[in-house]
Amino acid sequence: MMNDKKITRLLKLLLGCLILILFSWLLFIFLDKFDLYNSAFGIFIYYISYFTAIISFYLGIIVFLLLFFLVLWKFISKKV
């Protein structure tokens, strides 16, 4: 069942979303630790990482639900 190309593509997309969320949180910690909020570049990086975290979080939820229903559908179709 794990050799299905749809499932492996969705797993890779979910892993990519998780990596983006981790990277954006590391940027938040980096900005907070070195107090880079005073410069324009720091504020720019903050907003980019903020929107990246939000978009990848919601995309990760959607991909997780799609993956869950795809695996459930494959499991039910094998049983029938």
Protein backbone atom coordinates (compact mmCIF):
# COMPACT_ATOMS: atom_id res chain seq x y z
CA MET A 1 0.00 0.00 0.00
CA MET A 2 2.90 2.39 0.64
CA ASN A 3 4.17 1.95 -2.94
CA ASP A 4 1.25 4.00 -4.23
CA LYS A 5 2.60 7.11 -5.94
CA LYS A 6 -0.15 9.37 -4.59
CA ILE A 7 0.62 8.41 -1.01
CA THR A 8 4.37 8.90 -1.37
CA ARG A 9 3.85 12.30 -3.05
CA LEU A 10 1.59 13.42 -0.23
CA LEU A 11 4.07 12.16 2.37
CA LYS A 12 6.86 14.15 0.71
CA LEU A 13 4.65 17.25 0.63
CA LEU A 14 3.78 16.80 4.32
CA LEU A 15 7.46 16.40 5.18
CA GLY A 16 8.24 19.56 3.22
CA CYS A 17 5.58 21.47 5.17
CA LEU A 18 7.03 20.26 8.45
CA ILE A 19 10.53 21.30 7.39
CA LEU A 20 9.26 24.78 6.43
CA ILE A 21 7.54 25.15 9.80
CA LEU A 22 10.73 24.09 11.61
CA PHE A 23 12.82 26.50 9.52
CA SER A 24 10.48 29.41 10.20
CA TRP A 25 10.52 28.70 13.95
CA LEU A 26 14.31 28.64 13.85
CA LEU A 27 14.20 32.05 12.16
CA PHE A 28 11.87 33.34 14.90
CA ILE A 29 14.29 32.10 17.58
CA PHE A 30 17.26 33.58 15.72
CA LEU A 31 15.57 36.97 15.41
CA ASP A 32 14.56 36.97 19.06
CA LYS A 33 17.93 35.81 20.39
CA PHE A 34 19.98 38.42 18.53
CA ASP A 35 17.31 41.15 18.84
CA LEU A 36 17.17 41.90 15.12
CA TYR A 37 13.69 43.45 15.20
CA ASN A 38 15.10 46.99 15.08
CA SER A 39 16.38 46.81 11.51
CA ALA A 40 14.24 46.81 8.38
CA PHE A 41 15.86 43.58 7.20
CA GLY A 42 14.97 41.86 10.47
CA ILE A 43 11.36 42.95 10.18
CA PHE A 44 11.30 41.73 6.55
CA ILE A 45 12.67 38.32 7.58
CA TYR A 46 10.17 38.19 10.44
CA TYR A 47 7.17 38.70 8.16
CA ILE A 48 8.45 36.25 5.55
CA SER A 49 8.98 33.55 8.17
CA TYR A 50 5.62 34.36 9.79
CA PHE A 51 3.68 33.95 6.54
CA THR A 52 5.71 30.86 5.65
CA ALA A 53 4.79 29.28 8.97
CA ILE A 54 1.09 30.08 8.56
CA ILE A 55 0.85 28.91 4.95
CA SER A 56 2.82 25.71 5.55
CA PHE A 57 0.83 24.95 8.71
CA TYR A 58 -2.52 25.10 6.95
CA LEU A 59 -1.15 23.33 3.89
CA GLY A 60 0.20 20.62 6.20
CA ILE A 61 -3.24 20.17 7.77
CA ILE A 62 -4.87 19.86 4.35
CA VAL A 63 -2.22 17.40 3.13
CA PHE A 64 -2.54 15.35 6.32
CA LEU A 65 -6.31 15.10 5.88
CA LEU A 66 -5.90 14.14 2.21
CA LEU A 67 -3.34 11.51 3.17
CA PHE A 68 -5.61 10.13 5.88
CA PHE A 69 -8.59 9.83 3.54
CA LEU A 70 -6.47 8.36 0.74
CA VAL A 71 -5.06 5.66 3.02
CA LEU A 72 -8.53 5.00 4.44
CA TRP A 73 -9.96 4.74 0.93
CA LYS A 74 -7.21 2.31 -0.15
CA PHE A 75 -7.76 0.22 2.99
CA ILE A 76 -11.54 0.07 2.48
CA SER A 77 -11.23 -0.73 -1.23
CA LYS A 78 -8.89 -3.65 -0.40
CA LYS A 79 -11.36 -5.03 2.14
CA VAL A 80 -14.31 -4.93 -0.28
